[in-house]
Amino acid sequence: MNEAKRERARAIIISDNKIVSMYRERDGRIFYTFPGGGMEEGETEQDCVAREVLEEFGLIINPIKKVYIYESERSIEYFYLCDWVDGKFGTGEGEEFQPENNNGIYKPVFIEISKIPSLPLMPPDVAAAFYEDYGKNGKTLRSDIKIIKV
C-alpha cells in the first residue's frame, strides 16, 4: 500500500546576512533546521509556514515566494522565502518547548550565511542550494522554483 507523503512547509528568513534556524540536539546528534513543520488538514503551504514560525520562534512572517520543493521517500517540503514582519525572536511557545512533548533540545538561533557550508543544516541539499542562490542572487534568491529529489 502506498502511503501519502507527509507535507511540510518551511521558512527561509534572512536578517543581516544571517538566517533564522532551530538548533537541535536529538539522539546524540546536533543539527540545525529551517523553521517550519507539518501541514494540517485544509491548511495552505503559506498558512502552515506562518503558523509554524509563530509557534516556534514568536515571529510574524509574510511568505514571499516558494523557492524550493524538497522531495524524499517519506515527505515533500515546500521552502518559502519570507519577510520578518513583527514579533520578538525566541518567544515561540510551540509544542516542542513543552516538557511533555520535548524530543531533545530545541533552541532558536541565527546562523551566519557564510558558515552554512560548515554546519549540519538540514536538509543538506536545500542548505547547499540556498547557499549557492544567496551567493548568486542575494537575499531575493532565485526567481524560479528548484525541485530537489533525493
C-alpha atoms as a PDB file:
ATOM      1  CA  MET A   1       0.000   0.000   0.000  1.00  0.00           C
ATOM      2  CA  ASN A   2       1.297   3.446  -0.937  1.00  0.00           C
ATOM      3  CA  GLU A   3       1.024   5.922   1.913  1.00  0.00           C
ATOM      4  CA  ALA A   4       0.639   9.622   1.154  1.00  0.00           C
ATOM      5  CA  LYS A   5       3.790  11.601   1.693  1.00  0.00           C
ATOM      6  CA  ARG A   6       3.871  13.947   4.669  1.00  0.00           C
ATOM      7  CA  GLU A   7       3.700  17.549   3.516  1.00  0.00           C
ATOM      8  CA  ARG A   8       5.693  20.219   5.323  1.00  0.00           C
ATOM      9  CA  ALA A   9       6.267  23.922   4.795  1.00  0.00           C
ATOM     10  CA  ARG A  10       9.443  25.690   5.854  1.00  0.00           C
ATOM     11  CA  ALA A  11      10.639  29.286   6.016  1.00  0.00           C
ATOM     12  CA  ILE A  12      13.824  30.940   4.864  1.00  0.00           C
ATOM     13  CA  ILE A  13      14.078  34.154   6.882  1.00  0.00           C
ATOM     14  CA  ILE A  14      17.113  36.312   6.111  1.00  0.00           C
ATOM     15  CA  SER A  15      18.174  39.030   8.553  1.00  0.00           C
ATOM     16  CA  ASP A  16      21.518  40.880   8.375  1.00  0.00           C
ATOM     17  CA  ASN A  17      23.404  38.152   6.462  1.00  0.00           C
ATOM     18  CA  LYS A  18      22.018  35.502   8.817  1.00  0.00           C
ATOM     19  CA  ILE A  19      19.113  33.085   8.671  1.00  0.00           C
ATOM     20  CA  VAL A  20      16.685  32.072  11.379  1.00  0.00           C
ATOM     21  CA  SER A  21      17.162  28.425  12.370  1.00  0.00           C
ATOM     22  CA  MET A  22      16.343  25.887  15.060  1.00  0.00           C
ATOM     23  CA  TYR A  23      19.348  24.334  16.803  1.00  0.00           C
ATOM     24  CA  ARG A  24      18.548  20.706  17.640  1.00  0.00           C
ATOM     25  CA  GLU A  25      20.081  18.002  19.776  1.00  0.00           C
ATOM     26  CA  ARG A  26      18.379  14.649  19.418  1.00  0.00           C
ATOM     27  CA  ASP A  27      19.555  11.073  19.914  1.00  0.00           C
ATOM     28  CA  GLY A  28      23.177  12.211  20.232  1.00  0.00           C
ATOM     29  CA  ARG A  29      23.012  14.263  17.010  1.00  0.00           C
ATOM     30  CA  ILE A  30      23.484  18.022  16.742  1.00  0.00           C
ATOM     31  CA  PHE A  31      21.960  19.760  13.730  1.00  0.00           C
ATOM     32  CA  TYR A  32      20.044  22.825  12.559  1.00  0.00           C
ATOM     33  CA  THR A  33      16.742  23.069  10.713  1.00  0.00           C
ATOM     34  CA  PHE A  34      14.856  25.652   8.728  1.00  0.00           C
ATOM     35  CA  PRO A  35      11.753  26.841  10.636  1.00  0.00           C
ATOM     36  CA  GLY A  36       8.542  25.020   9.790  1.00  0.00           C
ATOM     37  CA  GLY A  37       6.654  21.799  10.143  1.00  0.00           C
ATOM     38  CA  GLY A  38       3.784  19.618   9.077  1.00  0.00           C
ATOM     39  CA  MET A  39       0.756  20.930   7.265  1.00  0.00           C
ATOM     40  CA  GLU A  40      -2.602  20.471   8.966  1.00  0.00           C
ATOM     41  CA  GLU A  41      -5.675  19.348   7.040  1.00  0.00           C
ATOM     42  CA  GLY A  42      -7.119  22.167   4.941  1.00  0.00           C
ATOM     43  CA  GLU A  43      -4.127  24.416   5.566  1.00  0.00           C
ATOM     44  CA  THR A  44      -2.281  26.138   2.713  1.00  0.00           C
ATOM     45  CA  GLU A  45       1.504  25.975   2.491  1.00  0.00           C
ATOM     46  CA  GLN A  46       1.710  29.691   3.301  1.00  0.00           C
ATOM     47  CA  ASP A  47      -0.639  29.400   6.297  1.00  0.00           C
ATOM     48  CA  CYS A  48       1.369  26.442   7.598  1.00  0.00           C
ATOM     49  CA  VAL A  49       4.736  28.193   7.380  1.00  0.00           C
ATOM     50  CA  ALA A  50       3.343  31.330   9.065  1.00  0.00           C
ATOM     51  CA  ARG A  51       1.761  29.291  11.885  1.00  0.00           C
ATOM     52  CA  GLU A  52       4.854  27.190  12.474  1.00  0.00           C
ATOM     53  CA  VAL A  53       7.216  30.193  12.598  1.00  0.00           C
ATOM     54  CA  LEU A  54       4.915  31.951  15.068  1.00  0.00           C
ATOM     55  CA  GLU A  55       4.715  28.804  17.256  1.00  0.00           C
ATOM     56  CA  GLU A  56       8.451  28.034  17.123  1.00  0.00           C
ATOM     57  CA  PHE A  57      10.030  31.499  17.077  1.00  0.00           C
ATOM     58  CA  GLY A  58       7.359  34.048  18.057  1.00  0.00           C
ATOM     59  CA  LEU A  59       7.704  35.767  14.691  1.00  0.00           C
ATOM     60  CA  ILE A  60       5.022  37.064  12.365  1.00  0.00           C
ATOM     61  CA  ILE A  61       6.181  36.481   8.814  1.00  0.00           C
ATOM     62  CA  ASN A  62       4.946  37.053   5.292  1.00  0.00           C
ATOM     63  CA  PRO A  63       5.718  34.241   2.822  1.00  0.00           C
ATOM     64  CA  ILE A  64       7.015  35.971  -0.333  1.00  0.00           C
ATOM     65  CA  LYS A  65       7.656  33.135  -2.767  1.00  0.00           C
ATOM     66  CA  LYS A  66       8.293  29.416  -2.937  1.00  0.00           C
ATOM     67  CA  VAL A  67      11.930  28.747  -3.837  1.00  0.00           C
ATOM     68  CA  TYR A  68      12.457  25.011  -3.259  1.00  0.00           C
ATOM     69  CA  ILE A  69      10.492  21.784  -3.245  1.00  0.00           C
ATOM     70  CA  TYR A  70      12.373  19.006  -1.470  1.00  0.00           C
ATOM     71  CA  GLU A  71      11.012  15.510  -2.033  1.00  0.00           C
ATOM     72  CA  SER A  72      12.209  12.391  -0.252  1.00  0.00           C
ATOM     73  CA  GLU A  73      10.747   8.932   0.029  1.00  0.00           C
ATOM     74  CA  ARG A  74       8.605   9.964   3.017  1.00  0.00           C
ATOM     75  CA  SER A  75       7.855  13.661   2.626  1.00  0.00           C
ATOM     76  CA  ILE A  76       7.522  16.731   0.431  1.00  0.00           C
ATOM     77  CA  GLU A  77       8.763  20.012   1.887  1.00  0.00           C
ATOM     78  CA  TYR A  78       7.982  23.446   0.470  1.00  0.00           C
ATOM     79  CA  PHE A  79      10.522  26.183   1.259  1.00  0.00           C
ATOM     80  CA  TYR A  80       9.366  29.806   1.214  1.00  0.00           C
ATOM     81  CA  LEU A  81      11.440  32.952   1.279  1.00  0.00           C
ATOM     82  CA  CYS A  82       9.733  35.027   3.989  1.00  0.00           C
ATOM     83  CA  ASP A  83       9.807  38.571   5.317  1.00  0.00           C
ATOM     84  CA  TRP A  84      10.008  39.053   9.076  1.00  0.00           C
ATOM     85  CA  VAL A  85       7.094  41.431   9.723  1.00  0.00           C
ATOM     86  CA  ASP A  86       6.833  41.573  13.521  1.00  0.00           C
ATOM     87  CA  GLY A  87       7.402  39.641  16.739  1.00  0.00           C
ATOM     88  CA  LYS A  88      10.253  39.125  19.167  1.00  0.00           C
ATOM     89  CA  PHE A  89      12.750  36.412  18.195  1.00  0.00           C
ATOM     90  CA  GLY A  90      12.803  33.455  20.572  1.00  0.00           C
ATOM     91  CA  THR A  91       9.349  33.931  22.118  1.00  0.00           C
ATOM     92  CA  GLY A  92       7.735  30.892  20.493  1.00  0.00           C
ATOM     93  CA  GLU A  93       5.656  28.646  22.723  1.00  0.00           C
ATOM     94  CA  GLY A  94       5.050  25.700  20.393  1.00  0.00           C
ATOM     95  CA  GLU A  95       4.695  22.094  21.461  1.00  0.00           C
ATOM     96  CA  GLU A  96       8.433  21.484  21.029  1.00  0.00           C
ATOM     97  CA  PHE A  97       9.046  23.682  24.071  1.00  0.00           C
ATOM     98  CA  GLN A  98       6.577  21.833  26.315  1.00  0.00           C
ATOM     99  CA  PRO A  99       8.432  19.371  28.582  1.00  0.00           C
ATOM    100  CA  GLU A 100       5.945  16.540  27.972  1.00  0.00           C
ATOM    101  CA  ASN A 101       6.439  16.799  24.190  1.00  0.00           C
ATOM    102  CA  ASN A 102      10.111  17.628  24.149  1.00  0.00           C
ATOM    103  CA  ASN A 103      12.076  15.316  21.883  1.00  0.00           C
ATOM    104  CA  GLY A 104      15.587  16.573  22.543  1.00  0.00           C
ATOM    105  CA  ILE A 105      16.774  20.187  22.673  1.00  0.00           C
ATOM    106  CA  TYR A 106      15.213  22.985  20.616  1.00  0.00           C
ATOM    107  CA  LYS A 107      16.871  26.407  20.594  1.00  0.00           C
ATOM    108  CA  PRO A 108      16.040  29.268  18.197  1.00  0.00           C
ATOM    109  CA  VAL A 109      19.274  30.689  16.753  1.00  0.00           C
ATOM    110  CA  PHE A 110      20.650  32.838  13.958  1.00  0.00           C
ATOM    111  CA  ILE A 111      23.143  31.235  11.567  1.00  0.00           C
ATOM    112  CA  GLU A 112      25.618  33.375   9.640  1.00  0.00           C
ATOM    113  CA  ILE A 113      25.062  32.572   5.977  1.00  0.00           C
ATOM    114  CA  SER A 114      28.840  32.413   5.404  1.00  0.00           C
ATOM    115  CA  LYS A 115      29.033  29.479   7.870  1.00  0.00           C
ATOM    116  CA  ILE A 116      26.288  27.342   6.286  1.00  0.00           C
ATOM    117  CA  PRO A 117      28.700  25.101   4.296  1.00  0.00           C
ATOM    118  CA  SER A 118      30.393  24.013   7.544  1.00  0.00           C
ATOM    119  CA  LEU A 119      27.218  23.429   9.597  1.00  0.00           C
ATOM    120  CA  PRO A 120      24.828  20.459   9.682  1.00  0.00           C
ATOM    121  CA  LEU A 121      21.823  22.409   8.347  1.00  0.00           C
ATOM    122  CA  MET A 122      19.048  20.016   7.343  1.00  0.00           C
ATOM    123  CA  PRO A 123      18.252  19.024   4.720  1.00  0.00           C
ATOM    124  CA  PRO A 124      21.791  19.443   3.356  1.00  0.00           C
ATOM    125  CA  ASP A 125      20.669  19.551  -0.296  1.00  0.00           C
ATOM    126  CA  VAL A 126      18.429  22.546   0.438  1.00  0.00           C
ATOM    127  CA  ALA A 127      21.137  24.205   2.553  1.00  0.00           C
ATOM    128  CA  ALA A 128      23.571  23.895  -0.388  1.00  0.00           C
ATOM    129  CA  ALA A 129      21.005  25.215  -2.896  1.00  0.00           C
ATOM    130  CA  PHE A 130      20.200  28.167  -0.620  1.00  0.00           C
ATOM    131  CA  TYR A 131      23.886  28.996  -0.100  1.00  0.00           C
ATOM    132  CA  GLU A 132      24.513  28.925  -3.852  1.00  0.00           C
ATOM    133  CA  ASP A 133      21.395  31.010  -4.613  1.00  0.00           C
ATOM    134  CA  TYR A 134      22.273  33.569  -1.971  1.00  0.00           C
ATOM    135  CA  GLY A 135      25.762  33.916  -3.428  1.00  0.00           C
ATOM    136  CA  LYS A 136      24.383  34.448  -6.942  1.00  0.00           C
ATOM    137  CA  ASN A 137      21.201  36.431  -6.285  1.00  0.00           C
ATOM    138  CA  GLY A 138      21.485  37.920  -2.804  1.00  0.00           C
ATOM    139  CA  LYS A 139      18.549  37.997  -0.422  1.00  0.00           C
ATOM    140  CA  THR A 140      15.936  37.768  -3.207  1.00  0.00           C
ATOM    141  CA  LEU A 141      17.242  34.264  -4.032  1.00  0.00           C
ATOM    142  CA  ARG A 142      16.149  32.588  -7.258  1.00  0.00           C
ATOM    143  CA  SER A 143      13.241  33.592  -9.491  1.00  0.00           C
ATOM    144  CA  ASP A 144      12.067  30.043 -10.213  1.00  0.00           C
ATOM    145  CA  ILE A 145      11.349  27.013  -8.019  1.00  0.00           C
ATOM    146  CA  LYS A 146      14.146  24.467  -7.721  1.00  0.00           C
ATOM    147  CA  ILE A 147      12.923  20.884  -7.279  1.00  0.00           C
ATOM    148  CA  ILE A 148      15.271  18.676  -5.270  1.00  0.00           C
ATOM    149  CA  LYS A 149      14.540  14.920  -5.171  1.00  0.00           C
ATOM    150  CA  VAL A 150      16.534  12.543  -3.018  1.00  0.00           C
END
